[in-house]
C-alpha atoms as a PDB file:
ATOM      1  CA  MET A   1      17.626  15.975 -15.745  1.00  0.00           C
ATOM      2  CA  LYS A   2      13.635  15.628 -16.146  1.00  0.00           C
ATOM      3  CA  LYS A   3      13.415  13.097 -14.147  1.00  0.00           C
ATOM      4  CA  LEU A   4      15.265  13.952 -11.493  1.00  0.00           C
ATOM      5  CA  ILE A   5      13.245  17.569 -11.097  1.00  0.00           C
ATOM      6  CA  ALA A   6      10.291  14.644 -11.879  1.00  0.00           C
ATOM      7  CA  PHE A   7      11.219  12.660  -8.856  1.00  0.00           C
ATOM      8  CA  CYS A   8      11.966  15.250  -6.140  1.00  0.00           C
ATOM      9  CA  ILE A   9       8.450  16.890  -7.199  1.00  0.00           C
ATOM     10  CA  VAL A  10       7.808  13.204  -6.276  1.00  0.00           C
ATOM     11  CA  MET A  11       9.246  14.155  -2.920  1.00  0.00           C
ATOM     12  CA  MET A  12       6.901  17.069  -1.997  1.00  0.00           C
ATOM     13  CA  ALA A  13       4.550  15.658  -2.678  1.00  0.00           C
ATOM     14  CA  SER A  14       4.591  12.685  -0.772  1.00  0.00           C
ATOM     15  CA  VAL A  15       5.733  15.338   2.578  1.00  0.00           C
ATOM     16  CA  LEU A  16       2.841  17.548   1.295  1.00  0.00           C
ATOM     17  CA  SER A  17      -0.427  15.394   1.692  1.00  0.00           C
ATOM     18  CA  ILE A  18       0.593  13.903   4.812  1.00  0.00           C
ATOM     19  CA  ALA A  19       2.191  17.230   6.046  1.00  0.00           C
ATOM     20  CA  ASN A  20      -0.441  17.461   9.360  1.00  0.00           C
ATOM     21  CA  ALA A  21       0.668  13.753  10.641  1.00  0.00           C
ATOM     22  CA  SER A  22       2.582  13.774  13.244  1.00  0.00           C
ATOM     23  CA  GLU A  23       1.952   9.782  14.786  1.00  0.00           C
ATOM     24  CA  PRO A  24       0.967   6.957  13.106  1.00  0.00           C
ATOM     25  CA  SER A  25      -3.450   6.247  13.587  1.00  0.00           C
ATOM     26  CA  ARG A  26      -3.983   2.949  14.271  1.00  0.00           C
ATOM     27  CA  GLU A  27      -8.104   4.437  14.050  1.00  0.00           C
ATOM     28  CA  ILE A  28      -9.997   4.648  10.527  1.00  0.00           C
ATOM     29  CA  ALA A  29      -9.450   7.746  10.136  1.00  0.00           C
ATOM     30  CA  LYS A  30     -12.652   9.846   8.946  1.00  0.00           C
ATOM     31  CA  SER A  31     -11.694  10.560   5.219  1.00  0.00           C
ATOM     32  CA  ALA A  32      -8.342   9.585   3.457  1.00  0.00           C
ATOM     33  CA  ASP A  33      -7.135  13.268   3.785  1.00  0.00           C
ATOM     34  CA  ASP A  34      -6.974  12.609   7.755  1.00  0.00           C
ATOM     35  CA  VAL A  35      -5.528   9.442   7.640  1.00  0.00           C
ATOM     36  CA  ARG A  36      -1.939  10.308   9.904  1.00  0.00           C
ATOM     37  CA  PRO A  37       0.624   7.504   8.083  1.00  0.00           C
ATOM     38  CA  ILE A  38       4.398   6.020   8.867  1.00  0.00           C
ATOM     39  CA  LEU A  39       6.829   8.368   8.174  1.00  0.00           C
ATOM     40  CA  ASN A  40      10.406   7.840   6.931  1.00  0.00           C
ATOM     41  CA  GLY A  41      12.316   6.255   9.636  1.00  0.00           C
ATOM     42  CA  GLN A  42       9.840   4.409  11.687  1.00  0.00           C
ATOM     43  CA  ASN A  43       9.296   1.242  12.248  1.00  0.00           C
ATOM     44  CA  ILE A  44       6.420  -1.099  10.340  1.00  0.00           C
ATOM     45  CA  PRO A  45       4.417  -3.133  12.631  1.00  0.00           C
ATOM     46  CA  ASN A  46       4.627  -6.410  12.677  1.00  0.00           C
ATOM     47  CA  THR A  47       1.238  -7.138  11.409  1.00  0.00           C
ATOM     48  CA  THR A  48      -0.728 -11.102   9.768  1.00  0.00           C
ATOM     49  CA  ILE A  49      -1.098 -10.714   6.319  1.00  0.00           C
ATOM     50  CA  TYR A  50      -2.406 -13.498   4.536  1.00  0.00           C
ATOM     51  CA  THR A  51      -1.218 -15.437   1.127  1.00  0.00           C
ATOM     52  CA  PRO A  52      -3.208 -15.950  -1.747  1.00  0.00           C
ATOM     53  CA  GLN A  53      -3.693 -20.157  -0.723  1.00  0.00           C
ATOM     54  CA  GLY A  54      -5.364 -18.178   2.696  1.00  0.00           C
ATOM     55  CA  ASN A  55      -1.946 -18.985   4.923  1.00  0.00           C
ATOM     56  CA  ALA A  56      -0.994 -16.957   7.538  1.00  0.00           C
ATOM     57  CA  VAL A  57       2.143 -14.995   7.610  1.00  0.00           C
ATOM     58  CA  LYS A  58       4.165 -12.596   9.360  1.00  0.00           C
ATOM     59  CA  LEU A  59       4.772  -8.758   7.524  1.00  0.00           C
ATOM     60  CA  HIS A  60       8.190  -9.002   9.732  1.00  0.00           C
ATOM     61  CA  ASP A  61       9.235 -12.408   8.375  1.00  0.00           C
ATOM     62  CA  VAL A  62       8.370 -11.796   4.683  1.00  0.00           C
ATOM     63  CA  ILE A  63      10.235  -7.763   4.583  1.00  0.00           C
ATOM     64  CA  LYS A  64      13.318  -9.563   7.062  1.00  0.00           C
ATOM     65  CA  GLU A  65      14.280 -12.054   3.701  1.00  0.00           C
ATOM     66  CA  LYS A  66      15.161  -8.617   1.649  1.00  0.00           C
ATOM     67  CA  PRO A  67      14.605  -4.946   1.474  1.00  0.00           C
ATOM     68  CA  SER A  68      11.431  -4.724   0.130  1.00  0.00           C
ATOM     69  CA  VAL A  69       8.913  -2.266  -1.575  1.00  0.00           C
ATOM     70  CA  ILE A  70       5.514  -2.273   0.104  1.00  0.00           C
ATOM     71  CA  ILE A  71       2.455  -1.030  -2.536  1.00  0.00           C
ATOM     72  CA  PHE A  72      -0.605  -0.835  -0.293  1.00  0.00           C
ATOM     73  CA  TYR A  73      -3.721  -0.900  -3.390  1.00  0.00           C
ATOM     74  CA  ARG A  74      -7.664  -0.673  -3.260  1.00  0.00           C
ATOM     75  CA  GLY A  75      -8.154  -4.470  -4.737  1.00  0.00           C
ATOM     76  CA  GLY A  76      -8.762  -5.823  -8.231  1.00  0.00           C
ATOM     77  CA  TRP A  77     -11.789  -3.814  -8.459  1.00  0.00           C
ATOM     78  CA  CYS A  78     -10.160  -1.035  -9.165  1.00  0.00           C
ATOM     79  CA  PRO A  79      -9.174   0.070 -12.714  1.00  0.00           C
ATOM     80  CA  TYR A  80      -6.838   2.974 -10.713  1.00  0.00           C
ATOM     81  CA  CYS A  81      -4.509  -0.110  -8.511  1.00  0.00           C
ATOM     82  CA  ASN A  82      -4.633  -2.597 -11.862  1.00  0.00           C
ATOM     83  CA  ALA A  83      -2.812  -0.315 -13.745  1.00  0.00           C
ATOM     84  CA  GLN A  84      -0.227   0.576 -11.663  1.00  0.00           C
ATOM     85  CA  LEU A  85       0.677  -3.000 -10.840  1.00  0.00           C
ATOM     86  CA  ALA A  86       0.929  -3.112 -14.334  1.00  0.00           C
ATOM     87  CA  ASP A  87       3.074  -0.011 -14.612  1.00  0.00           C
ATOM     88  CA  LEU A  88       5.421  -2.548 -11.835  1.00  0.00           C
ATOM     89  CA  ARG A  89       6.556  -4.618 -15.379  1.00  0.00           C
ATOM     90  CA  ASN A  90       8.850  -0.972 -16.332  1.00  0.00           C
ATOM     91  CA  ILE A  91      11.084  -1.885 -13.791  1.00  0.00           C
ATOM     92  CA  GLU A  92      10.360  -5.167 -12.095  1.00  0.00           C
ATOM     93  CA  ASP A  93      13.719  -5.797 -13.289  1.00  0.00           C
ATOM     94  CA  LYS A  94      15.856  -3.362 -12.344  1.00  0.00           C
ATOM     95  CA  VAL A  95      14.169  -2.976  -8.393  1.00  0.00           C
ATOM     96  CA  THR A  96      15.268  -6.808  -8.264  1.00  0.00           C
ATOM     97  CA  ALA A  97      18.632  -6.350  -9.477  1.00  0.00           C
ATOM     98  CA  LEU A  98      18.650  -3.911  -6.432  1.00  0.00           C
ATOM     99  CA  GLY A  99      18.373  -6.332  -3.888  1.00  0.00           C
ATOM    100  CA  TYR A 100      14.766  -5.994  -3.274  1.00  0.00           C
ATOM    101  CA  GLN A 101      11.367  -7.443  -3.147  1.00  0.00           C
ATOM    102  CA  LEU A 102       8.173  -6.434  -4.597  1.00  0.00           C
ATOM    103  CA  ILE A 103       5.389  -6.926  -2.634  1.00  0.00           C
ATOM    104  CA  ALA A 104       1.969  -5.918  -3.213  1.00  0.00           C
ATOM    105  CA  MET A 105      -1.163  -5.943   0.028  1.00  0.00           C
ATOM    106  CA  SER A 106      -5.381  -5.179  -0.762  1.00  0.00           C
ATOM    107  CA  PRO A 107      -7.887  -5.833   1.737  1.00  0.00           C
ATOM    108  CA  ASP A 108      -8.854  -8.826  -1.487  1.00  0.00           C
ATOM    109  CA  SER A 109     -10.068 -11.589   0.316  1.00  0.00           C
ATOM    110  CA  PRO A 110      -7.082 -15.035  -0.623  1.00  0.00           C
ATOM    111  CA  LYS A 111      -9.590 -16.068  -3.414  1.00  0.00           C
ATOM    112  CA  ARG A 112      -9.622 -13.412  -4.786  1.00  0.00           C
ATOM    113  CA  LEU A 113      -6.377 -12.525  -5.075  1.00  0.00           C
ATOM    114  CA  SER A 114      -5.740 -16.259  -6.190  1.00  0.00           C
ATOM    115  CA  ALA A 115      -7.713 -15.448  -9.347  1.00  0.00           C
ATOM    116  CA  GLN A 116      -5.612 -12.152  -9.852  1.00  0.00           C
ATOM    117  CA  GLU A 117      -2.494 -14.175  -9.488  1.00  0.00           C
ATOM    118  CA  THR A 118      -4.024 -16.776 -12.647  1.00  0.00           C
ATOM    119  CA  SER A 119      -5.458 -14.386 -15.172  1.00  0.00           C
ATOM    120  CA  GLN A 120      -2.811 -11.212 -14.566  1.00  0.00           C
ATOM    121  CA  ASP A 121       0.918 -13.673 -14.362  1.00  0.00           C
ATOM    122  CA  TYR A 122       1.913 -11.318 -11.671  1.00  0.00           C
ATOM    123  CA  LYS A 123       5.604 -11.527 -10.488  1.00  0.00           C
ATOM    124  CA  VAL A 124       4.739  -9.047  -7.672  1.00  0.00           C
ATOM    125  CA  ARG A 125       3.970 -10.692  -4.486  1.00  0.00           C
ATOM    126  CA  ILE A 126       0.601 -10.337  -3.555  1.00  0.00           C
ATOM    127  CA  PHE A 127      -0.321 -10.260  -0.556  1.00  0.00           C
ATOM    128  CA  SER A 128      -4.354 -10.036   1.412  1.00  0.00           C
ATOM    129  CA  ASP A 129      -5.453  -8.348   4.648  1.00  0.00           C
ATOM    130  CA  ARG A 130      -8.585  -8.843   4.458  1.00  0.00           C
ATOM    131  CA  ASP A 131      -8.684  -8.058   7.779  1.00  0.00           C
ATOM    132  CA  PHE A 132      -7.757  -4.990   7.738  1.00  0.00           C
ATOM    133  CA  GLU A 133      -4.650  -4.878  10.459  1.00  0.00           C
ATOM    134  CA  THR A 134      -2.129  -3.919   8.104  1.00  0.00           C
ATOM    135  CA  THR A 135      -3.901  -0.723   7.038  1.00  0.00           C
ATOM    136  CA  GLN A 136      -4.358  -0.119  10.887  1.00  0.00           C
ATOM    137  CA  ALA A 137      -0.958   0.153  11.747  1.00  0.00           C
ATOM    138  CA  PHE A 138       0.321   1.893   9.167  1.00  0.00           C
ATOM    139  CA  GLY A 139      -2.585   4.457   9.787  1.00  0.00           C
ATOM    140  CA  ILE A 140      -3.713   4.789   6.214  1.00  0.00           C
ATOM    141  CA  GLY A 141      -6.857   3.599   6.553  1.00  0.00           C
ATOM    142  CA  PHE A 142      -9.893   5.252   5.947  1.00  0.00           C
ATOM    143  CA  PHE A 143     -14.229   5.193   5.970  1.00  0.00           C
ATOM    144  CA  LEU A 144     -15.905   6.111   2.770  1.00  0.00           C
ATOM    145  CA  ASP A 145     -18.557   8.724   3.443  1.00  0.00           C
ATOM    146  CA  ASP A 146     -21.999   6.762   2.755  1.00  0.00           C
ATOM    147  CA  LYS A 147     -22.980   7.288  -0.786  1.00  0.00           C
ATOM    148  CA  VAL A 148     -19.540   6.409  -2.588  1.00  0.00           C
ATOM    149  CA  ALA A 149     -19.658   3.805   0.373  1.00  0.00           C
ATOM    150  CA  ASP A 150     -23.127   2.532  -1.339  1.00  0.00           C
ATOM    151  CA  LYS A 151     -20.797   2.646  -4.369  1.00  0.00           C
ATOM    152  CA  TYR A 152     -17.916  -0.023  -3.388  1.00  0.00           C
ATOM    153  CA  ARG A 153     -20.298  -2.161  -0.492  1.00  0.00           C
ATOM    154  CA  ASN A 154     -20.307  -4.784  -2.660  1.00  0.00           C
ATOM    155  CA  LYS A 155     -16.731  -4.695  -4.246  1.00  0.00           C
ATOM    156  CA  LEU A 156     -15.275  -4.617  -1.586  1.00  0.00           C
ATOM    157  CA  GLY A 157     -13.079  -3.085   0.815  1.00  0.00           C
ATOM    158  CA  VAL A 158     -13.840  -3.684   4.425  1.00  0.00           C
ATOM    159  CA  GLU A 159     -16.895  -3.304   5.918  1.00  0.00           C
ATOM    160  CA  PHE A 160     -16.923  -2.896   9.530  1.00  0.00           C
ATOM    161  CA  VAL A 161     -19.925  -2.449  12.174  1.00  0.00           C
ATOM    162  CA  ASP A 162     -20.001   0.421  14.770  1.00  0.00           C
ATOM    163  CA  ILE A 163     -21.892   0.664  18.117  1.00  0.00           C
ATOM    164  CA  ASN A 164     -25.081   1.738  16.737  1.00  0.00           C
ATOM    165  CA  GLY A 165     -25.500  -1.557  13.856  1.00  0.00           C
ATOM    166  CA  THR A 166     -24.317   1.803  11.772  1.00  0.00           C
ATOM    167  CA  SER A 167     -22.223  -0.638   8.611  1.00  0.00           C
ATOM    168  CA  ARG A 168     -19.219   1.801   7.617  1.00  0.00           C
ATOM    169  CA  VAL A 169     -16.949   0.226   3.890  1.00  0.00           C
ATOM    170  CA  ALA A 170     -12.807   1.163   4.101  1.00  0.00           C
ATOM    171  CA  LEU A 171      -9.980   0.919   2.429  1.00  0.00           C
ATOM    172  CA  PRO A 172      -6.785   1.909   2.326  1.00  0.00           C
ATOM    173  CA  VAL A 173      -5.929   5.171   0.903  1.00  0.00           C
ATOM    174  CA  PRO A 174      -2.955   3.992  -2.231  1.00  0.00           C
ATOM    175  CA  SER A 175       0.638   3.970   0.072  1.00  0.00           C
ATOM    176  CA  VAL A 176       3.940   2.694  -1.278  1.00  0.00           C
ATOM    177  CA  TYR A 177       6.552   1.844   1.208  1.00  0.00           C
ATOM    178  CA  ILE A 178      10.366   1.579   1.175  1.00  0.00           C
ATOM    179  CA  VAL A 179      11.889  -0.268   4.320  1.00  0.00           C
ATOM    180  CA  ASP A 180      15.097  -2.206   5.447  1.00  0.00           C
ATOM    181  CA  THR A 181      14.685  -5.277   6.569  1.00  0.00           C
ATOM    182  CA  SER A 182      14.702  -4.450  10.135  1.00  0.00           C
ATOM    183  CA  GLY A 183      11.145  -2.707   9.121  1.00  0.00           C
ATOM    184  CA  LYS A 184      13.169   0.978   9.395  1.00  0.00           C
ATOM    185  CA  VAL A 185      11.222   3.128   6.235  1.00  0.00           C
ATOM    186  CA  HIS A 186      13.410   4.712   4.768  1.00  0.00           C
ATOM    187  CA  PHE A 187      10.637   6.309   1.525  1.00  0.00           C
ATOM    188  CA  GLN A 188       6.957   6.880   1.498  1.00  0.00           C
ATOM    189  CA  TYR A 189       4.404   8.265  -0.811  1.00  0.00           C
ATOM    190  CA  ILE A 190       0.769   8.438   0.594  1.00  0.00           C
ATOM    191  CA  ASN A 191      -1.685  10.288  -1.893  1.00  0.00           C
ATOM    192  CA  PRO A 192      -5.495  11.211  -0.744  1.00  0.00           C
ATOM    193  CA  ASN A 193      -5.989  11.058  -4.183  1.00  0.00           C
ATOM    194  CA  PHE A 194      -7.015   7.971  -5.393  1.00  0.00           C
ATOM    195  CA  THR A 195      -6.353   8.521  -9.306  1.00  0.00           C
ATOM    196  CA  VAL A 196      -2.756   9.617  -8.752  1.00  0.00           C
ATOM    197  CA  ARG A 197      -0.615   6.723  -8.164  1.00  0.00           C
ATOM    198  CA  LEU A 198       3.878   7.029  -7.862  1.00  0.00           C
ATOM    199  CA  ASP A 199       4.876   6.749 -11.813  1.00  0.00           C
ATOM    200  CA  SER A 200       7.126   2.835 -11.455  1.00  0.00           C
ATOM    201  CA  GLU A 201       9.951   5.029 -13.247  1.00  0.00           C
ATOM    202  CA  LEU A 202      10.166   7.507  -9.756  1.00  0.00           C
ATOM    203  CA  LEU A 203       9.889   4.214  -8.054  1.00  0.00           C
ATOM    204  CA  TYR A 204      13.048   3.298  -9.254  1.00  0.00           C
ATOM    205  CA  GLN A 205      14.592   5.919  -8.659  1.00  0.00           C
ATOM    206  CA  ALA A 206      13.465   6.011  -5.157  1.00  0.00           C
ATOM    207  CA  ALA A 207      14.193   2.751  -4.679  1.00  0.00           C
ATOM    208  CA  LEU A 208      18.234   3.296  -6.644  1.00  0.00           C
ATOM    209  CA  ILE A 209      18.283   6.087  -3.946  1.00  0.00           C
ATOM    210  CA  SER A 210      16.898   4.605  -0.723  1.00  0.00           C
ATOM    211  CA  ASP A 211      20.515   1.592  -1.726  1.00  0.00           C
ATOM    212  CA  LEU A 212      19.367  -1.050   0.470  1.00  0.00           C
ATOM    213  CA  LYS A 213      21.073  -3.885  -0.047  1.00  0.00           C
END
């Protein structure tokens, strides 16, 4: 019962955190609070992502294999992201037994992802969104303010130069999506507060309820 109540709270939080979203935006938002992500019932885009070996693949080619849990994280340098990925080990067997695959995606370069694979021994499939194309298409990308950008500039994210020649750093809002093999979204959790992540057990409950086998 406690887990059911917690799951309901998570569902409410995922809606409240994006209450102002109407349509997904391909524009990079001014802040994490301003993102306009893809929502339940909408279809995810067929963007290009990269394997840790640097091979380009289409997102739809990856998800057509199995229903997918897609996790957007900020990068391997982020302790909250690493804790989130490590927490997935608690549910990996249960989620895959339901017929899902687990996919994690960040702006990290393929080279950095390769190092993460070697050091962390993840079973989750990890991909690079090095061009920020997928993050933008999902409507979850945002620019850091200048003060924070200076702190993160050498860690990663993706750097853009505007028409005035000003350099700006962008990151994804940490997000979780459950999609079927056609790309339709059945669950999403987007929280602008990067320190708060969806608990792995609640993610499993969401996958169980979605039942996309």
